Structures are given as C-alpha cells and as structure tokens.
N, C-alpha and C. Protein backbone atom coordinates (compact mmCIF):
# COMPACT_ATOMS: atom_id res chain seq x y z
N MET A 1 -0.05 11.05 11.71
CA MET A 1 1.05 11.57 11.35
C MET A 1 1.83 10.71 10.37
N GLU A 2 2.32 11.31 9.27
CA GLU A 2 3.12 10.50 8.19
C GLU A 2 4.67 10.42 8.72
N GLU A 3 5.21 9.26 8.89
CA GLU A 3 6.65 9.00 9.24
C GLU A 3 7.45 8.59 8.04
N ARG A 4 8.29 8.99 7.68
CA ARG A 4 9.10 8.55 6.50
C ARG A 4 10.59 8.61 6.99
N PRO A 5 11.42 7.64 6.48
CA PRO A 5 12.86 7.55 6.87
C PRO A 5 13.72 8.47 6.02
N HIS A 6 14.97 8.67 6.46
CA HIS A 6 15.50 9.76 5.87
C HIS A 6 15.88 9.60 4.61
N SER A 7 15.76 8.28 3.89
CA SER A 7 16.08 8.05 2.62
C SER A 7 14.86 8.63 1.70
N LYS A 8 13.59 8.88 2.46
CA LYS A 8 12.61 9.58 1.64
C LYS A 8 12.96 10.80 1.17
N ASP A 9 13.83 11.53 1.80
CA ASP A 9 14.29 12.76 1.47
C ASP A 9 14.96 13.00 0.06
N THR A 10 15.52 11.74 -0.20
CA THR A 10 16.14 11.62 -1.44
C THR A 10 15.31 10.92 -2.57
N ALA A 11 14.26 10.36 -2.26
CA ALA A 11 13.39 9.51 -3.04
C ALA A 11 12.35 10.49 -3.93
N SER A 12 12.22 10.04 -4.94
CA SER A 12 11.00 10.76 -5.73
C SER A 12 9.92 9.88 -6.22
N GLU A 13 8.94 10.35 -6.72
CA GLU A 13 7.81 9.32 -7.21
C GLU A 13 8.32 8.61 -8.29
N GLN A 14 8.61 7.33 -8.24
CA GLN A 14 9.17 6.62 -9.50
C GLN A 14 8.01 6.52 -10.45
N ALA A 15 6.77 6.22 -10.01
CA ALA A 15 5.75 5.88 -10.95
C ALA A 15 4.47 5.97 -10.38
N ARG A 16 3.48 6.36 -11.06
CA ARG A 16 2.04 6.40 -10.65
C ARG A 16 1.05 5.96 -11.75
N ARG A 17 0.07 5.23 -11.36
CA ARG A 17 -0.85 4.54 -12.28
C ARG A 17 -2.18 4.63 -11.58
N ARG A 18 -3.36 4.78 -12.34
CA ARG A 18 -4.74 4.79 -11.97
C ARG A 18 -5.22 3.60 -12.54
N PHE A 19 -6.20 2.91 -11.85
CA PHE A 19 -6.75 1.77 -12.23
C PHE A 19 -8.19 1.97 -11.82
N PRO A 20 -9.13 1.24 -13.04
CA PRO A 20 -10.60 1.10 -12.53
C PRO A 20 -10.74 0.36 -11.13
N GLY A 21 -11.90 0.76 -10.40
CA GLY A 21 -11.97 -0.04 -9.31
C GLY A 21 -12.72 -1.48 -9.37
N LEU A 22 -12.11 -2.13 -10.12
CA LEU A 22 -12.65 -3.51 -10.28
C LEU A 22 -11.65 -4.56 -9.79
N PRO A 23 -12.23 -5.62 -9.22
CA PRO A 23 -11.50 -6.80 -8.75
C PRO A 23 -10.24 -7.21 -9.75
N SER A 24 -10.72 -7.36 -11.03
CA SER A 24 -9.73 -7.63 -12.03
C SER A 24 -8.45 -6.78 -12.04
N GLN A 25 -8.64 -5.70 -11.63
CA GLN A 25 -7.45 -4.68 -11.92
C GLN A 25 -6.34 -4.83 -10.75
N ILE A 26 -6.54 -5.78 -9.84
CA ILE A 26 -5.73 -5.81 -8.74
C ILE A 26 -4.41 -6.63 -9.22
N ALA A 27 -4.73 -7.62 -10.04
CA ALA A 27 -3.50 -8.22 -10.56
C ALA A 27 -2.53 -7.13 -11.64
N TYR A 28 -3.19 -6.41 -12.01
CA TYR A 28 -2.41 -5.26 -12.97
C TYR A 28 -1.79 -4.19 -11.84
N ALA A 29 -2.32 -3.90 -10.86
CA ALA A 29 -1.74 -3.00 -9.76
C ALA A 29 -0.49 -3.96 -9.39
N ARG A 30 -0.57 -5.24 -8.98
CA ARG A 30 0.62 -6.02 -8.61
C ARG A 30 1.59 -6.10 -9.48
N ARG A 31 1.29 -6.18 -10.87
CA ARG A 31 2.27 -6.16 -12.17
C ARG A 31 3.01 -4.80 -12.16
N PHE A 32 2.11 -3.85 -11.98
CA PHE A 32 2.82 -2.44 -12.07
C PHE A 32 3.72 -2.32 -11.12
N VAL A 33 3.52 -2.56 -9.76
CA VAL A 33 4.56 -2.46 -8.59
C VAL A 33 5.67 -3.55 -8.99
N ALA A 34 5.50 -4.56 -9.37
CA ALA A 34 6.55 -5.45 -9.92
C ALA A 34 7.49 -4.92 -10.64
N ARG A 35 6.97 -4.30 -11.78
CA ARG A 35 7.75 -3.56 -12.78
C ARG A 35 8.86 -2.77 -12.02
N GLN A 36 8.11 -1.71 -11.15
CA GLN A 36 8.93 -0.72 -10.56
C GLN A 36 10.02 -1.33 -9.64
N LEU A 37 9.61 -2.43 -9.09
CA LEU A 37 10.55 -2.90 -7.95
C LEU A 37 11.41 -4.02 -8.55
N ALA A 38 11.38 -4.41 -9.72
CA ALA A 38 12.15 -5.76 -10.26
C ALA A 38 13.35 -5.79 -9.74
N ALA A 39 14.19 -4.90 -9.49
CA ALA A 39 15.63 -5.27 -8.85
C ALA A 39 15.60 -5.09 -7.18
N SER A 40 14.44 -5.08 -6.66
CA SER A 40 14.47 -5.00 -5.19
C SER A 40 14.32 -6.61 -4.74
N PRO A 41 15.12 -6.77 -3.58
CA PRO A 41 14.93 -8.02 -2.89
C PRO A 41 13.38 -8.21 -2.21
N GLU A 42 12.79 -7.21 -2.08
CA GLU A 42 11.44 -7.07 -1.49
C GLU A 42 10.37 -7.17 -2.48
N LEU A 43 10.71 -7.54 -3.68
CA LEU A 43 9.55 -7.50 -4.87
C LEU A 43 8.46 -8.45 -4.26
N THR A 44 8.47 -9.67 -3.90
CA THR A 44 7.30 -10.57 -3.55
C THR A 44 6.67 -9.90 -2.43
N THR A 45 7.35 -9.25 -1.40
CA THR A 45 6.56 -8.79 -0.24
C THR A 45 5.72 -7.47 -0.85
N ALA A 46 6.29 -6.67 -1.61
CA ALA A 46 5.78 -5.50 -2.23
C ALA A 46 4.38 -5.83 -3.17
N THR A 47 4.65 -6.93 -3.88
CA THR A 47 3.43 -7.16 -4.60
C THR A 47 2.38 -7.76 -3.76
N LEU A 48 2.70 -8.60 -2.84
CA LEU A 48 1.69 -8.97 -1.88
C LEU A 48 0.89 -7.97 -1.07
N LEU A 49 1.67 -7.09 -0.60
CA LEU A 49 0.87 -5.96 0.22
C LEU A 49 0.40 -5.19 -0.73
N THR A 50 0.74 -4.75 -1.78
CA THR A 50 0.04 -3.87 -2.78
C THR A 50 -1.32 -4.57 -3.28
N SER A 51 -1.45 -5.97 -3.24
CA SER A 51 -2.73 -6.65 -3.53
C SER A 51 -3.49 -6.54 -2.30
N GLU A 52 -2.92 -6.57 -0.97
CA GLU A 52 -4.04 -6.41 0.07
C GLU A 52 -4.61 -4.96 0.01
N LEU A 53 -3.64 -3.99 -0.07
CA LEU A 53 -4.23 -2.64 -0.11
C LEU A 53 -5.05 -2.19 -1.19
N ALA A 54 -4.77 -2.67 -2.37
CA ALA A 54 -5.70 -2.59 -3.60
C ALA A 54 -7.10 -3.17 -3.36
N THR A 55 -7.24 -4.41 -2.79
CA THR A 55 -8.23 -5.22 -2.42
C THR A 55 -9.18 -4.19 -1.47
N ASN A 56 -8.51 -3.82 -0.46
CA ASN A 56 -9.25 -2.94 0.61
C ASN A 56 -9.83 -1.70 -0.06
N ALA A 57 -9.05 -1.18 -1.07
CA ALA A 57 -9.54 0.13 -1.55
C ALA A 57 -10.71 -0.10 -2.26
N ILE A 58 -10.93 -1.30 -3.17
CA ILE A 58 -12.22 -1.32 -3.78
C ILE A 58 -13.19 -2.00 -3.13
N THR A 59 -12.76 -2.64 -2.00
CA THR A 59 -14.00 -3.45 -1.09
C THR A 59 -14.39 -2.33 -0.13
N HIS A 60 -13.64 -1.51 0.37
CA HIS A 60 -14.22 -0.79 1.56
C HIS A 60 -14.27 0.85 1.25
N SER A 61 -14.28 1.10 0.04
CA SER A 61 -14.22 2.59 -0.45
C SER A 61 -15.20 2.84 -1.56
N ALA A 62 -15.37 4.12 -1.89
CA ALA A 62 -16.22 4.35 -3.15
C ALA A 62 -15.26 4.23 -4.38
N SER A 63 -14.08 3.64 -4.30
CA SER A 63 -13.27 3.30 -5.32
C SER A 63 -13.79 2.00 -5.92
N GLY A 64 -14.61 1.33 -5.31
CA GLY A 64 -15.10 -0.08 -5.66
C GLY A 64 -16.53 0.27 -6.40
N MET A 65 -17.08 1.41 -6.37
CA MET A 65 -18.37 1.64 -6.94
C MET A 65 -18.17 1.58 -8.69
N ALA A 66 -19.32 1.86 -9.31
CA ALA A 66 -19.38 1.67 -10.62
C ALA A 66 -18.16 2.44 -11.42
N THR A 67 -18.14 3.71 -11.09
CA THR A 67 -17.09 4.61 -11.81
C THR A 67 -15.91 4.78 -10.82
N GLY A 68 -15.73 3.94 -9.86
CA GLY A 68 -14.72 4.16 -9.05
C GLY A 68 -13.07 3.88 -9.55
N LYS A 69 -12.26 4.39 -9.03
CA LYS A 69 -10.88 4.19 -9.45
C LYS A 69 -10.02 4.17 -8.02
N PHE A 70 -8.73 3.65 -8.12
CA PHE A 70 -7.73 3.68 -7.21
C PHE A 70 -6.56 4.00 -8.03
N GLU A 71 -5.58 4.51 -7.12
CA GLU A 71 -4.20 4.98 -7.71
C GLU A 71 -3.10 4.16 -7.08
N VAL A 72 -2.12 3.62 -7.56
CA VAL A 72 -0.86 3.27 -6.81
C VAL A 72 0.26 4.11 -7.33
N CYS A 73 1.07 4.44 -6.13
CA CYS A 73 2.13 5.23 -6.35
C CYS A 73 3.52 4.65 -5.87
N VAL A 74 4.60 4.77 -6.55
CA VAL A 74 5.71 3.89 -6.08
C VAL A 74 6.84 4.91 -5.92
N HIS A 75 7.56 5.15 -4.74
CA HIS A 75 8.59 5.96 -4.49
C HIS A 75 9.88 5.01 -4.08
N LEU A 76 11.17 5.29 -4.63
CA LEU A 76 12.15 4.50 -4.50
C LEU A 76 13.38 5.33 -4.15
N ALA A 77 14.18 4.82 -3.11
CA ALA A 77 15.49 5.34 -2.96
C ALA A 77 16.45 4.03 -2.57
N PRO A 78 17.65 4.21 -2.69
CA PRO A 78 18.69 3.05 -2.35
C PRO A 78 18.12 2.26 -1.09
N GLY A 79 17.86 1.02 -1.14
CA GLY A 79 17.42 0.28 -0.03
C GLY A 79 16.29 0.43 0.67
N TRP A 80 15.30 1.06 -0.06
CA TRP A 80 13.92 1.59 0.36
C TRP A 80 12.97 1.79 -0.62
N ALA A 81 11.75 1.40 -0.36
CA ALA A 81 10.70 1.62 -1.33
C ALA A 81 9.55 1.91 -0.24
N ARG A 82 8.62 2.82 -0.98
CA ARG A 82 7.20 3.20 -0.39
C ARG A 82 6.19 3.04 -1.62
N VAL A 83 4.99 2.25 -1.10
CA VAL A 83 4.14 2.00 -2.03
C VAL A 83 2.74 2.62 -1.43
N GLU A 84 2.08 3.36 -2.16
CA GLU A 84 0.85 4.01 -1.78
C GLU A 84 -0.32 3.65 -2.58
N VAL A 85 -1.44 3.26 -1.94
CA VAL A 85 -2.50 2.99 -2.65
C VAL A 85 -3.68 4.05 -2.23
N ARG A 86 -3.98 4.78 -3.19
CA ARG A 86 -5.05 5.95 -3.08
C ARG A 86 -6.31 5.56 -3.33
N ASP A 87 -7.28 5.91 -2.38
CA ASP A 87 -8.59 5.23 -2.78
C ASP A 87 -9.54 6.69 -2.85
N LEU A 88 -10.83 6.51 -3.24
CA LEU A 88 -11.97 7.70 -3.27
C LEU A 88 -12.51 7.96 -1.86
N GLY A 89 -12.39 7.20 -0.83
CA GLY A 89 -12.84 7.36 0.31
C GLY A 89 -14.32 6.76 0.35
N ASN A 90 -14.98 6.81 1.50
CA ASN A 90 -16.25 6.13 1.43
C ASN A 90 -17.29 7.39 1.09
N VAL A 91 -18.45 6.83 0.68
CA VAL A 91 -19.55 7.81 0.35
C VAL A 91 -19.65 8.72 1.47
N GLU A 92 -19.88 8.30 2.66
CA GLU A 92 -20.11 8.79 3.86
C GLU A 92 -18.56 9.10 4.53
N GLU A 93 -18.61 9.57 5.78
CA GLU A 93 -17.31 9.87 6.26
C GLU A 93 -16.39 8.56 6.15
N ALA A 94 -15.10 9.01 5.81
CA ALA A 94 -14.16 7.60 5.67
C ALA A 94 -13.66 7.06 7.05
N PRO A 95 -13.78 6.03 7.45
CA PRO A 95 -13.32 5.49 8.72
C PRO A 95 -11.76 5.16 8.45
N GLN A 96 -11.13 5.15 9.65
CA GLN A 96 -9.56 4.92 9.35
C GLN A 96 -9.41 3.24 9.20
N PRO A 97 -8.68 2.83 8.27
CA PRO A 97 -8.34 1.24 8.30
C PRO A 97 -7.96 0.64 9.66
N GLN A 98 -8.42 -0.32 10.06
CA GLN A 98 -8.11 -0.73 11.33
C GLN A 98 -8.14 -2.29 11.30
N HIS A 99 -7.33 -2.96 12.32
CA HIS A 99 -7.46 -4.33 12.46
C HIS A 99 -8.95 -4.96 13.03
N ARG A 100 -9.38 -5.80 12.71
CA ARG A 100 -10.69 -6.32 12.94
C ARG A 100 -10.54 -7.38 14.13
N GLY A 101 -9.52 -8.24 14.03
CA GLY A 101 -9.11 -9.22 14.90
C GLY A 101 -10.13 -10.34 14.64
N PRO A 102 -9.72 -10.99 13.17
CA PRO A 102 -10.61 -11.98 12.79
C PRO A 102 -10.43 -13.37 13.66
N TYR A 103 -11.48 -13.93 13.59
CA TYR A 103 -11.44 -15.27 14.41
C TYR A 103 -10.63 -16.33 13.48
N ASP A 104 -10.17 -17.47 13.96
CA ASP A 104 -9.52 -18.53 13.21
C ASP A 104 -10.25 -18.89 12.18
N THR A 105 -11.47 -18.87 12.06
CA THR A 105 -12.18 -19.57 10.88
C THR A 105 -12.66 -18.42 9.94
N ASP A 106 -12.35 -17.10 10.00
CA ASP A 106 -12.98 -16.09 9.23
C ASP A 106 -12.11 -16.33 7.92
N GLU A 107 -12.71 -16.02 6.78
CA GLU A 107 -11.98 -16.35 5.51
C GLU A 107 -11.50 -14.67 5.15
N HIS A 108 -11.75 -13.63 5.93
CA HIS A 108 -11.32 -12.20 5.34
C HIS A 108 -11.02 -11.65 6.63
N GLY A 109 -10.14 -10.54 6.56
CA GLY A 109 -9.94 -9.52 7.69
C GLY A 109 -8.44 -9.60 7.99
N ARG A 110 -7.77 -10.19 7.36
CA ARG A 110 -6.19 -10.48 7.80
C ARG A 110 -5.34 -9.63 6.91
N GLY A 111 -5.67 -8.68 6.06
CA GLY A 111 -4.93 -7.89 5.17
C GLY A 111 -4.10 -7.00 5.99
N LEU A 112 -4.65 -6.22 6.80
CA LEU A 112 -3.62 -5.33 7.45
C LEU A 112 -2.67 -5.98 8.39
N ASP A 113 -3.15 -7.03 8.92
CA ASP A 113 -2.24 -7.88 9.73
C ASP A 113 -1.05 -8.11 9.01
N LEU A 114 -1.31 -8.35 7.77
CA LEU A 114 -0.16 -8.89 6.88
C LEU A 114 0.68 -7.66 6.54
N VAL A 115 0.14 -6.48 6.41
CA VAL A 115 0.84 -5.19 5.95
C VAL A 115 1.68 -4.93 7.24
N GLU A 116 1.20 -4.94 8.34
CA GLU A 116 1.79 -4.52 9.64
C GLU A 116 3.11 -5.49 9.98
N ALA A 117 2.91 -6.76 9.64
CA ALA A 117 3.91 -7.89 9.85
C ALA A 117 4.92 -7.92 8.86
N LEU A 118 4.74 -7.60 7.69
CA LEU A 118 5.73 -7.66 6.46
C LEU A 118 6.31 -6.41 6.07
N SER A 119 5.82 -5.25 6.31
CA SER A 119 6.43 -4.01 6.05
C SER A 119 7.33 -3.40 7.34
N SER A 120 8.05 -2.59 6.99
CA SER A 120 9.11 -1.96 7.98
C SER A 120 8.11 -0.85 8.52
N LYS A 121 7.33 -0.14 7.87
CA LYS A 121 6.27 0.74 8.40
C LYS A 121 5.16 0.87 7.46
N TRP A 122 3.92 1.30 7.99
CA TRP A 122 2.73 1.44 7.10
C TRP A 122 1.96 2.65 7.85
N GLY A 123 1.02 3.01 7.08
CA GLY A 123 0.17 4.18 7.79
C GLY A 123 -0.79 4.77 6.82
N THR A 124 -1.75 5.42 7.20
CA THR A 124 -3.02 6.02 6.40
C THR A 124 -2.93 7.52 6.84
N GLU A 125 -3.37 8.08 5.62
CA GLU A 125 -3.67 9.70 5.86
C GLU A 125 -4.53 10.18 4.75
N PRO A 126 -5.20 11.35 4.97
CA PRO A 126 -5.97 11.81 3.98
C PRO A 126 -5.09 12.14 2.63
N ARG A 127 -5.92 12.01 1.70
CA ARG A 127 -5.02 12.49 0.42
C ARG A 127 -5.00 13.82 0.37
N GLY A 128 -4.22 14.32 -0.18
CA GLY A 128 -3.81 15.82 -0.35
C GLY A 128 -5.01 16.58 -1.12
N ASP A 129 -5.66 15.97 -1.92
CA ASP A 129 -6.79 16.56 -2.50
C ASP A 129 -7.96 16.75 -1.89
N GLY A 130 -8.25 16.03 -0.75
CA GLY A 130 -9.41 15.98 -0.08
C GLY A 130 -10.22 14.89 -0.55
N MET A 131 -9.97 14.01 -1.45
CA MET A 131 -10.79 12.88 -2.10
C MET A 131 -10.40 11.55 -1.61
N GLY A 132 -10.70 11.15 -0.43
CA GLY A 132 -10.33 9.83 0.05
C GLY A 132 -9.12 10.03 0.83
N ARG A 133 -8.36 8.67 0.86
CA ARG A 133 -7.24 8.56 1.71
C ARG A 133 -6.21 7.73 0.94
N ARG A 134 -4.92 7.73 1.39
CA ARG A 134 -3.96 6.94 1.01
C ARG A 134 -3.31 5.99 2.01
N VAL A 135 -3.20 4.82 1.71
CA VAL A 135 -2.64 3.88 2.73
C VAL A 135 -1.47 3.40 2.06
N TRP A 136 -0.46 3.33 2.99
CA TRP A 136 0.91 3.25 2.25
C TRP A 136 1.76 2.11 3.31
N PHE A 137 2.78 1.62 2.56
CA PHE A 137 3.80 0.78 3.52
C PHE A 137 5.10 1.10 2.78
N GLU A 138 6.18 0.83 3.76
CA GLU A 138 7.55 1.07 3.41
C GLU A 138 8.23 -0.25 3.47
N LEU A 139 9.04 -0.59 2.79
CA LEU A 139 10.01 -1.63 2.86
C LEU A 139 11.50 -1.24 2.88
N VAL A 140 12.12 -1.72 3.83
CA VAL A 140 13.65 -1.38 3.84
C VAL A 140 14.63 -2.50 3.84
N TRP A 141 15.69 -2.44 3.13
CA TRP A 141 16.62 -3.67 3.09
C TRP A 141 18.08 -3.10 3.12
N ASP A 142 18.80 -3.95 3.38
CA ASP A 142 20.30 -3.49 3.45
C ASP A 142 20.86 -3.83 2.13
N CYS A 143 22.28 -3.51 1.90
CA CYS A 143 23.07 -3.49 0.80
C CYS A 143 23.12 -4.95 0.41
N ASP A 144 23.07 -5.90 1.24
CA ASP A 144 23.12 -7.44 0.81
C ASP A 144 21.67 -7.88 0.58
N GLY A 145 20.64 -7.15 0.32
CA GLY A 145 19.34 -7.50 0.06
C GLY A 145 18.54 -8.24 1.15
N ASP A 146 19.06 -8.03 2.26
CA ASP A 146 18.21 -8.47 3.40
C ASP A 146 17.29 -7.49 4.00
N PRO A 147 16.10 -7.95 4.26
CA PRO A 147 15.15 -7.04 4.93
C PRO A 147 15.61 -6.50 6.18
N VAL A 148 15.42 -5.31 6.47
CA VAL A 148 15.75 -4.36 7.74
C VAL A 148 14.34 -4.70 8.61
N ALA A 149 14.66 -4.90 9.87
CA ALA A 149 13.60 -5.14 10.82
C ALA A 149 13.05 -3.49 11.02
N ALA A 150 11.72 -3.61 11.43
CA ALA A 150 11.03 -2.41 11.54
C ALA A 150 11.60 -1.66 12.99
N ASP A 151 11.53 -0.46 13.08
CA ASP A 151 12.05 0.18 14.26
C ASP A 151 10.99 0.13 15.29
N PRO A 152 11.27 -0.36 16.63
CA PRO A 152 10.14 -0.42 17.67
C PRO A 152 9.81 0.88 17.96
N ASP A 153 8.53 1.15 18.09
CA ASP A 153 7.87 2.37 18.33
C ASP A 153 7.38 2.62 19.90
C-alpha cells in the first residue's frame, strides 16, 4: 500500500528521465536528482539513495539486461521530496525488494538498509503500466532545513 504525506496532495511530478540500464548511468541518475533538489537541504541524502535504488534496478531486474532501462521521477512540495526509481521487473515474477541481513564481512546487501535508515518513508509497488515496479523514498525537512524524523509505524 502506498503511503504519502499530506504535502503529496499539492506536489506534482517535477521531472522524469529514462536511463539505459548500464552501471555508468547511475552517476547520471544522481546528477539528474541533484539538479531537481539543488535547493533542498536533503540533496546529499537524495543522491545517495537514488544511487542505491538505481543500482538495485539494474542489478536485480530486467532493467540491467542488454536493452534494459530504468526511469527516475522526482516529486517536490515545500519541505518534502519523493524520488521513484522505476524498473522493468524481473524476467520471471518480480519479487519484492527485501532486506537480506548481510554479514559484517559482506560487500553487498546494505542498500535498502540505507534507504530505510535515511529516508522518512520508503516503499515499493507495481508500476501502473504493469511493467515492473517502482521503489520510492520520501525525504521531509522543516523550514530551517533540518530533516524531520520518520513517523513511527
């Protein structure tokens, strides 16, 4: 189920861009988000989390195949941003993104832990077009530019 704060009601899609499903494109996805959130105090967090979700899209979905693509969408409202990474899903049935509980010595597997720890909210849902899924995070900050803690669920 998709949860959105009240500010989402007044937000619109600020920008959307499609990228080839190549590792080299993750830097371009970060720059794209950075341009959209240039005035946000959460710029660094947004680019880090975008990098994690874009990496997951090309690593764990058909977006990373030869002709694969992924899409990044940014929504903005005062004191709030939502970034979505839309992938093509898996060739077979698309599993839900999940924490894997990495061991201390593992070099991979911490991306969603970062997303959960640093975002106000995050989630995943099927894309509206039936082609894959979108994984999103939201960042909230107050008028002074300070991050707002996530609501306990």
